[in-house]
């Protein structure tokens, strides 16, 4: 049969293993040297665990202006001020809520991007209590790491996500917009930063170095990944024992089942003995349709990665600079209720809202330094853009609920006695 010609021979697999184990394989040696620079995998993970403990984060915040907000957030969580999942369902469905059954194993994770500034998050939390809305279970951030490290937002967001029970993905500075590609300029050439040219030459190793810095100093385990080389490095770093986690960005352009197969195959081949992989989020290209998502789910299941790898699907996108508008995939999401471990990512707002804004959401706003944002008086507009996204994912939650489909909101805020309690917050 023709199919048998596709068999990967043991000889070819041996060649790959021989290369990985060859003491003269320079690219492998360079990675191992980086791990040793930080004291080895065991020491790296130990430092990260200590750095990421909430008590240690709070102690490091010192006299930060954000500390009062963090304590308020803990108090509200402990008082049960946020709406529970059963009460939310009653709010949406009324008396019909008691007669409906929700498959919590197929719950859709409510995701928002990007929460650039801690004050965005706090406004969202206060509004969620006041209006009995939901907080996201997954938060993506694209702020400059050094900038937020300096102004205290990094510590505050690390603490906040731990408190509410939400996973958080940070975007490292070594991502192409740092001048790594000498042929690219500013926002006028932004598309050239992605699609595989974001970490040329030695920048892939610099990306690992930067990850290890924030991992060991802040416990920030999860980062965005935009380049095939850094995806491979992430697989190998995890295989070496470092507990890195990453999500593949929409900018990687995985837009068909064959690209998904390639990515998941590598994840499986380089998984640990227990089957775990650092690939915990997989953002499709915006162009994928439901057939591709269903086929990709079959591939993921075949490799035993359904519980490990979440599919992250853009339901909305920023109004400017990334997709042709109008763009809204909510109705398509409703047809994917049978697909497990999927998130509904909201990076923009509703079409009518975006059209009404003097400053609609724009992906290029992510790359503006905070000083310039404040100098241009943009902070109120960017805050409004973020709150529009908050409204959008709450609309998605309502629509899921109306159709009898489960969702995952911030786990420590929105209590749910019938929801799985053993699920890792990833």
Protein backbone atom coordinates (compact mmCIF):
# COMPACT_ATOMS: atom_id res chain seq x y z
CA UNK A 1 0.00 0.00 0.00
CA UNK A 2 1.11 3.54 -0.71
CA UNK A 3 0.54 4.51 2.94
CA UNK A 4 3.33 2.22 4.14
CA UNK A 5 5.85 4.40 2.32
CA UNK A 6 5.23 7.11 4.93
CA UNK A 7 6.66 4.97 7.73
CA UNK A 8 9.47 6.67 9.63
CA UNK A 9 12.21 4.09 9.91
CA UNK A 10 14.02 3.33 13.13
CA UNK A 11 17.21 4.22 11.29
CA UNK A 12 16.00 7.79 10.68
CA UNK A 13 14.85 8.12 14.28
CA UNK A 14 18.25 6.89 15.40
CA UNK A 15 19.90 9.64 13.33
CA UNK A 16 17.89 12.27 15.21
CA UNK A 17 18.79 10.75 18.56
CA UNK A 18 22.44 10.47 17.55
CA UNK A 19 22.48 14.18 16.70
CA UNK A 20 20.87 15.12 20.01
CA UNK A 21 23.37 12.96 21.92
CA UNK A 22 26.48 13.90 19.92
CA UNK A 23 28.83 15.92 22.19
CA UNK A 24 29.88 17.88 19.09
CA UNK A 25 26.33 19.08 18.28
CA UNK A 26 26.93 22.78 18.87
CA UNK A 27 23.32 23.94 18.96
CA UNK A 28 22.56 21.37 21.66
CA UNK A 29 25.72 22.27 23.57
CA UNK A 30 24.71 25.95 23.56
CA UNK A 31 21.34 25.14 25.11
CA UNK A 32 22.87 22.91 27.78
CA UNK A 33 25.38 25.65 28.63
CA UNK A 34 22.51 28.10 29.17
CA UNK A 35 20.81 25.70 31.54
CA UNK A 36 24.06 25.25 33.44
CA UNK A 37 24.49 29.04 33.59
CA UNK A 38 21.42 29.12 35.84
CA UNK A 39 22.56 26.17 37.97
CA UNK A 40 20.97 23.24 36.16
CA UNK A 41 17.35 22.19 35.72
CA UNK A 42 16.68 21.18 39.32
CA UNK A 43 18.06 24.44 40.70
CA UNK A 44 16.18 26.47 38.07
CA UNK A 45 12.86 24.87 39.04
CA UNK A 46 13.58 25.31 42.75
CA UNK A 47 14.30 29.02 42.33
CA UNK A 48 11.20 29.43 40.21
CA UNK A 49 8.97 27.76 42.79
CA UNK A 50 10.27 30.05 45.51
CA UNK A 51 10.06 33.18 43.36
CA UNK A 52 6.49 32.37 42.33
CA UNK A 53 5.06 31.81 45.83
CA UNK A 54 2.39 34.40 46.55
CA UNK A 55 3.83 35.32 49.96
CA UNK A 56 7.21 36.01 48.37
CA UNK A 57 5.65 38.05 45.58
CA UNK A 58 3.73 40.17 48.11
CA UNK A 59 6.87 40.68 50.20
CA UNK A 60 8.75 41.89 47.13
CA UNK A 61 6.01 44.39 46.31
CA UNK A 62 7.06 46.35 49.41
CA UNK A 63 5.37 49.75 49.37
CA UNK A 64 4.01 49.37 45.85
CA UNK A 65 0.90 51.40 45.12
CA UNK A 66 -0.63 48.17 43.80
CA UNK A 67 -0.41 46.33 47.13
CA UNK A 68 -3.63 47.87 48.48
CA UNK A 69 -5.49 46.63 45.41
CA UNK A 70 -4.03 43.15 45.79
CA UNK A 71 -5.25 42.91 49.39
CA UNK A 72 -8.67 44.19 48.33
CA UNK A 73 -8.78 41.49 45.66
CA UNK A 74 -7.97 38.78 48.20
CA UNK A 75 -10.67 40.09 50.55
CA UNK A 76 -13.29 40.07 47.78
CA UNK A 77 -12.31 36.57 46.77
CA UNK A 78 -12.54 35.33 50.35
CA UNK A 79 -15.92 37.04 50.90
CA UNK A 80 -17.35 35.38 47.80
CA UNK A 81 -18.12 38.76 46.24
CA UNK A 82 -17.92 37.42 42.68
CA UNK A 83 -20.87 35.60 41.18
CA UNK A 84 -20.78 31.81 41.36
CA UNK A 85 -21.21 29.69 38.23
CA UNK A 86 -24.62 28.30 39.34
CA UNK A 87 -25.87 31.81 40.13
CA UNK A 88 -24.57 33.06 36.81
CA UNK A 89 -26.47 30.33 34.99
CA UNK A 90 -29.63 31.27 36.87
CA UNK A 91 -29.05 34.89 35.93
CA UNK A 92 -28.89 33.93 32.25
CA UNK A 93 -31.41 31.08 32.12
CA UNK A 94 -33.79 31.80 34.97
CA UNK A 95 -35.73 28.80 36.26
CA UNK A 96 -34.54 26.71 33.30
CA UNK A 97 -31.04 26.55 34.79
CA UNK A 98 -32.02 23.79 37.24
CA UNK A 99 -33.16 21.46 34.47
CA UNK A 100 -30.12 21.89 32.21
CA UNK A 101 -27.03 19.70 32.26
CA UNK A 102 -23.62 21.14 31.41
CA UNK A 103 -20.68 19.00 30.32
CA UNK A 104 -17.91 20.47 32.46
CA UNK A 105 -15.33 18.22 30.78
CA UNK A 106 -15.90 20.15 27.52
CA UNK A 107 -15.95 23.59 29.16
CA UNK A 108 -14.66 26.49 27.04
CA UNK A 109 -11.95 28.57 28.73
CA UNK A 110 -12.75 32.29 28.72
CA UNK A 111 -9.61 34.10 27.56
CA UNK A 112 -8.76 37.78 27.15
CA UNK A 113 -5.83 39.50 25.43
CA UNK A 114 -4.02 41.62 26.12
CA UNK A 115 -4.19 42.84 29.72
CA UNK A 116 -1.38 45.34 29.35
CA UNK A 117 -1.62 47.24 32.63
CA UNK A 118 -2.59 46.24 36.16
CA UNK A 119 -5.13 49.10 36.45
CA UNK A 120 -6.99 47.51 33.50
CA UNK A 121 -7.33 44.35 35.55
CA UNK A 122 -8.53 46.18 38.66
CA UNK A 123 -11.20 48.11 36.78
CA UNK A 124 -12.36 44.80 35.32
CA UNK A 125 -12.52 43.16 38.76
CA UNK A 126 -14.52 46.01 40.32
CA UNK A 127 -16.98 46.07 37.44
CA UNK A 128 -17.36 42.27 37.61
CA UNK A 129 -18.49 42.51 41.23
CA UNK A 130 -20.77 45.49 40.62
CA UNK A 131 -22.49 44.00 37.56
CA UNK A 132 -22.11 40.33 38.53
CA UNK A 133 -20.00 39.59 35.47
CA UNK A 134 -17.27 37.02 34.92
CA UNK A 135 -13.51 37.36 35.15
CA UNK A 136 -11.35 35.46 32.62
CA UNK A 137 -9.71 32.13 33.37
CA UNK A 138 -6.84 32.94 31.04
CA UNK A 139 -5.00 36.24 30.57
CA UNK A 140 -2.51 37.01 27.81
CA UNK A 141 -0.08 39.92 28.19
CA UNK A 142 2.13 41.62 25.60
CA UNK A 143 3.79 44.32 27.67
CA UNK A 144 7.50 45.00 27.51
CA UNK A 145 8.98 42.85 30.27
CA UNK A 146 11.68 45.26 31.42
CA UNK A 147 9.17 48.11 31.50
CA UNK A 148 6.63 46.27 33.64
CA UNK A 149 9.37 44.87 35.82
CA UNK A 150 10.44 48.45 36.56
CA UNK A 151 6.97 49.91 37.22
CA UNK A 152 5.68 47.04 39.39
CA UNK A 153 3.02 45.69 37.05
CA UNK A 154 4.80 42.36 36.62
CA UNK A 155 4.71 41.54 40.33
CA UNK A 156 1.14 42.82 40.66
CA UNK A 157 -0.19 40.77 37.74
CA UNK A 158 1.69 37.70 38.94
CA UNK A 159 -0.01 38.01 42.33
CA UNK A 160 -3.42 38.88 40.88
CA UNK A 161 -3.61 35.88 38.57
CA UNK A 162 -2.56 33.55 41.38
CA UNK A 163 -5.29 35.02 43.62
CA UNK A 164 -8.12 34.71 41.12
CA UNK A 165 -7.09 31.33 39.72
CA UNK A 166 -6.29 32.35 36.17
CA UNK A 167 -3.45 31.22 33.95
CA UNK A 168 -1.22 33.97 32.55
CA UNK A 169 1.00 34.05 29.50
CA UNK A 170 3.69 36.73 29.18
CA UNK A 171 5.44 37.88 26.01
CA UNK A 172 9.22 38.14 26.28
CA UNK A 173 11.06 41.17 24.90
CA UNK A 174 13.19 38.95 22.64
CA UNK A 175 10.50 38.71 20.01
CA UNK A 176 11.71 40.60 16.97
CA UNK A 177 10.63 44.11 17.88
CA UNK A 178 13.90 44.56 19.77
CA UNK A 179 15.95 45.19 16.63
CA UNK A 180 17.00 41.59 16.11
CA UNK A 181 16.28 41.77 12.39
CA UNK A 182 18.42 44.55 10.99
CA UNK A 183 16.23 44.82 7.89
CA UNK A 184 13.09 45.75 9.82
CA UNK A 185 12.10 49.07 11.30
CA UNK A 186 9.15 50.08 13.42
CA UNK A 187 5.40 49.49 13.15
CA UNK A 188 5.51 50.20 9.41
CA UNK A 189 7.24 46.83 8.99
CA UNK A 190 5.52 45.01 11.85
CA UNK A 191 4.38 42.03 9.78
CA UNK A 192 8.00 41.17 9.09
CA UNK A 193 8.65 40.54 12.76
CA UNK A 194 6.52 37.42 12.80
CA UNK A 195 5.93 34.32 10.75
CA UNK A 196 9.31 32.86 11.63
CA UNK A 197 11.72 35.80 11.47
CA UNK A 198 11.27 37.06 15.02
CA UNK A 199 14.40 35.49 16.51
CA UNK A 200 17.11 35.33 13.85
CA UNK A 201 20.59 33.93 14.35
CA UNK A 202 21.56 33.95 18.05
CA UNK A 203 18.29 35.47 19.25
CA UNK A 204 16.64 32.10 19.79
CA UNK A 205 19.12 31.39 22.59
CA UNK A 206 18.65 34.94 23.89
CA UNK A 207 14.94 34.15 24.13
CA UNK A 208 15.72 31.11 26.30
CA UNK A 209 18.09 33.21 28.41
CA UNK A 210 15.37 35.82 28.93
CA UNK A 211 12.83 33.14 29.83
CA UNK A 212 15.18 31.64 32.43
CA UNK A 213 15.70 35.09 33.98
CA UNK A 214 11.99 35.75 34.50
CA UNK A 215 11.30 32.15 35.44
CA UNK A 216 13.93 32.04 38.19
CA UNK A 217 13.31 35.59 39.45
CA UNK A 218 9.51 35.79 39.23
CA UNK A 219 8.29 32.24 38.72
CA UNK A 220 6.83 33.23 35.33
CA UNK A 221 6.54 29.81 33.76
CA UNK A 222 4.39 30.49 30.72
CA UNK A 223 5.41 32.58 27.70
CA UNK A 224 4.29 33.31 24.16
CA UNK A 225 6.20 31.55 21.38
CA UNK A 226 6.33 32.98 17.84
CA UNK A 227 9.21 31.21 16.13
CA UNK A 228 9.83 27.59 15.01
CA UNK A 229 13.33 27.69 16.52
CA UNK A 230 12.17 28.81 19.94
CA UNK A 231 9.36 26.26 19.82
CA UNK A 232 12.01 23.56 19.29
CA UNK A 233 14.17 25.04 22.03
CA UNK A 234 11.18 25.05 24.37
CA UNK A 235 10.59 21.37 23.69
CA UNK A 236 14.24 20.55 24.38
CA UNK A 237 14.47 22.77 27.48
CA UNK A 238 11.49 20.94 28.95
CA UNK A 239 13.03 17.59 28.00
CA UNK A 240 16.17 18.63 29.90
CA UNK A 241 14.04 19.05 33.02
CA UNK A 242 13.15 22.75 33.11
CA UNK A 243 9.40 23.18 33.69
CA UNK A 244 8.82 25.76 30.95
CA UNK A 245 5.35 26.18 29.46
CA UNK A 246 4.53 28.08 26.29
CA UNK A 247 1.72 28.84 23.92
CA UNK A 248 2.21 29.13 20.20
CA UNK A 249 1.12 32.51 18.87
CA UNK A 250 -1.40 33.23 16.13
CA UNK A 251 1.55 34.84 14.35
CA UNK A 252 3.09 31.42 13.76
CA UNK A 253 0.43 30.91 11.10
CA UNK A 254 -0.75 27.37 11.85
CA UNK A 255 -3.65 27.47 9.42
CA UNK A 256 -4.14 23.88 8.25
CA UNK A 257 -4.19 20.37 9.78
CA UNK A 258 -0.76 19.53 8.35
CA UNK A 259 0.92 22.39 10.18
CA UNK A 260 -0.92 21.27 13.32
CA UNK A 261 0.27 17.69 12.74
CA UNK A 262 3.87 18.89 12.37
CA UNK A 263 3.73 20.87 15.61
CA UNK A 264 2.00 18.20 17.68
CA UNK A 265 4.24 15.46 16.27
CA UNK A 266 7.33 17.33 17.48
CA UNK A 267 5.67 17.91 20.86
CA UNK A 268 4.98 14.20 21.19
CA UNK A 269 8.42 13.07 20.01
CA UNK A 270 10.12 15.37 22.51
CA UNK A 271 7.73 14.80 25.40
CA UNK A 272 8.97 13.52 28.73
CA UNK A 273 8.58 9.92 29.86
CA UNK A 274 5.30 10.86 31.55
CA UNK A 275 4.01 12.19 28.22
CA UNK A 276 4.02 15.84 29.30
CA UNK A 277 5.01 18.62 26.92
CA UNK A 278 5.64 22.33 27.45
CA UNK A 279 3.18 23.13 24.66
CA UNK A 280 0.09 24.03 26.68
CA UNK A 281 -1.53 26.51 24.30
CA UNK A 282 -1.87 26.35 20.54
CA UNK A 283 -3.25 29.44 18.82
CA UNK A 284 -4.54 28.73 15.34
CA UNK A 285 -4.25 31.23 12.53
CA UNK A 286 -7.33 33.44 12.26
CA UNK A 287 -8.12 31.82 8.91
CA UNK A 288 -8.91 28.34 10.21
CA UNK A 289 -12.44 26.98 9.87
CA UNK A 290 -14.26 24.51 12.08
CA UNK A 291 -13.34 21.58 9.86
CA UNK A 292 -9.66 22.28 10.49
CA UNK A 293 -10.27 22.59 14.23
CA UNK A 294 -12.16 19.28 14.32
CA UNK A 295 -9.44 17.53 12.32
CA UNK A 296 -6.77 19.04 14.56
CA UNK A 297 -8.67 17.76 17.59
CA UNK A 298 -8.49 14.25 16.13
CA UNK A 299 -4.71 14.61 15.66
CA UNK A 300 -4.31 15.94 19.20
CA UNK A 301 -6.33 13.06 20.60
CA UNK A 302 -4.36 10.48 18.60
CA UNK A 303 -1.12 11.72 20.18
CA UNK A 304 -2.66 11.68 23.66
CA UNK A 305 -2.32 15.45 24.05
CA UNK A 306 -5.96 16.46 24.57
CA UNK A 307 -5.50 17.25 28.27
CA UNK A 308 -2.11 18.89 27.76
CA UNK A 309 -2.56 21.16 24.75
CA UNK A 310 -5.36 23.73 24.76
CA UNK A 311 -6.56 25.01 21.39
CA UNK A 312 -6.82 28.79 21.57
CA UNK A 313 -9.20 30.29 19.04
CA UNK A 314 -9.68 33.99 18.37
CA UNK A 315 -13.36 34.84 18.68
CA UNK A 316 -12.70 38.56 18.27
CA UNK A 317 -9.66 40.47 17.06
CA UNK A 318 -8.45 44.04 17.37
CA UNK A 319 -10.24 46.32 14.95
CA UNK A 320 -7.01 47.50 13.38
CA UNK A 321 -3.74 46.07 12.13
CA UNK A 322 -4.27 42.31 12.23
CA UNK A 323 -7.35 41.08 10.30
CA UNK A 324 -9.89 42.30 7.81
CA UNK A 325 -13.00 43.46 9.61
CA UNK A 326 -15.69 42.61 10.40
CA UNK A 327 -14.36 39.58 12.27
CA UNK A 328 -16.35 37.63 14.87
CA UNK A 329 -16.23 33.82 15.22
CA UNK A 330 -18.66 33.37 18.13
CA UNK A 331 -21.33 31.50 16.21
CA UNK A 332 -18.73 29.08 14.87
CA UNK A 333 -17.51 28.49 18.43
CA UNK A 334 -20.99 27.37 19.41
CA UNK A 335 -20.68 24.50 16.93
CA UNK A 336 -17.51 23.24 18.63
CA UNK A 337 -19.12 22.17 21.90
CA UNK A 338 -17.86 18.62 21.39
CA UNK A 339 -14.19 19.74 21.25
CA UNK A 340 -12.47 19.47 24.62
CA UNK A 341 -9.82 21.83 26.02
CA UNK A 342 -10.48 24.86 23.84
CA UNK A 343 -10.42 28.53 24.78
CA UNK A 344 -12.38 31.44 23.39
CA UNK A 345 -9.84 34.20 23.00
CA UNK A 346 -11.09 37.80 22.90
CA UNK A 347 -8.59 40.28 21.51
CA UNK A 348 -11.17 42.75 20.25
CA UNK A 349 -14.73 43.76 20.88
CA UNK A 350 -18.10 43.62 19.19
CA UNK A 351 -18.25 45.06 15.70
CA UNK A 352 -20.79 47.76 16.56
CA UNK A 353 -18.79 48.85 19.60
CA UNK A 354 -15.49 49.02 17.72
CA UNK A 355 -17.11 51.11 14.98
CA UNK A 356 -18.38 53.56 17.57
CA UNK A 357 -15.04 54.18 19.29
CA UNK A 358 -12.96 57.25 18.50
CA UNK A 359 -9.94 55.02 19.23
CA UNK A 360 -10.87 51.43 18.32
CA UNK A 361 -8.61 48.59 19.40
CA UNK A 362 -5.33 48.30 17.52
CA UNK A 363 -2.74 45.52 17.80
CA UNK A 364 0.03 48.09 17.29
CA UNK A 365 -0.92 49.73 20.59
CA UNK A 366 0.73 46.78 22.34
CA UNK A 367 4.13 47.98 21.19
CA UNK A 368 3.88 51.58 22.43
CA UNK A 369 6.07 52.28 25.49
CA UNK A 370 4.09 53.32 28.55
CA UNK A 371 5.75 56.75 28.62
CA UNK A 372 4.49 57.41 25.10
CA UNK A 373 1.01 56.11 25.95
CA UNK A 374 0.81 58.58 28.81
CA UNK A 375 2.40 61.43 26.86
CA UNK A 376 -0.19 60.99 24.09
CA UNK A 377 -3.05 60.75 26.58
CA UNK A 378 -3.98 57.27 25.29
CA UNK A 379 -4.47 55.47 28.60
CA UNK A 380 -8.23 56.18 28.92
CA UNK A 381 -8.81 54.95 25.35
CA UNK A 382 -6.73 51.79 25.89
CA UNK A 383 -8.56 51.12 29.14
CA UNK A 384 -11.87 51.41 27.30
CA UNK A 385 -10.61 49.05 24.60
CA UNK A 386 -9.78 46.49 27.28
CA UNK A 387 -13.14 46.83 28.99
CA UNK A 388 -14.80 46.36 25.61
CA UNK A 389 -13.00 43.02 25.35
CA UNK A 390 -14.22 42.18 28.83
CA UNK A 391 -17.79 42.79 27.66
CA UNK A 392 -17.16 40.65 24.58
CA UNK A 393 -16.05 37.55 26.48
CA UNK A 394 -18.99 37.96 28.84
CA UNK A 395 -21.28 37.93 25.80
CA UNK A 396 -19.60 34.68 24.74
CA UNK A 397 -20.21 33.22 28.20
CA UNK A 398 -23.89 34.11 27.98
CA UNK A 399 -24.25 32.56 24.54
CA UNK A 400 -22.49 29.38 25.65
CA UNK A 401 -24.78 29.17 28.66
CA UNK A 402 -27.93 29.65 26.59
CA UNK A 403 -26.90 26.66 24.49
CA UNK A 404 -26.16 24.48 27.48
CA UNK A 405 -22.40 24.69 26.99
CA UNK A 406 -20.03 25.03 29.94
CA UNK A 407 -17.31 27.63 30.40
CA UNK A 408 -14.29 28.12 32.65
CA UNK A 409 -13.99 31.54 34.30
CA UNK A 410 -11.49 32.60 37.00
CA UNK A 411 -11.53 29.46 39.15
CA UNK A 412 -10.97 31.01 42.57
CA UNK A 413 -13.63 33.68 42.09
CA UNK A 414 -16.55 31.98 40.41
CA UNK A 415 -17.33 29.00 42.62
CA UNK A 416 -18.67 25.87 40.99
CA UNK A 417 -19.33 22.80 43.14
CA UNK A 418 -20.01 20.59 40.12
CA UNK A 419 -16.96 21.69 38.14
CA UNK A 420 -13.81 19.51 38.10
CA UNK A 421 -11.52 20.46 40.97
CA UNK A 422 -8.45 18.51 39.88
CA UNK A 423 -7.87 20.44 36.67
CA UNK A 424 -4.57 22.30 36.55
CA UNK A 425 -4.77 26.02 36.04
CA UNK A 426 -2.64 26.30 32.93
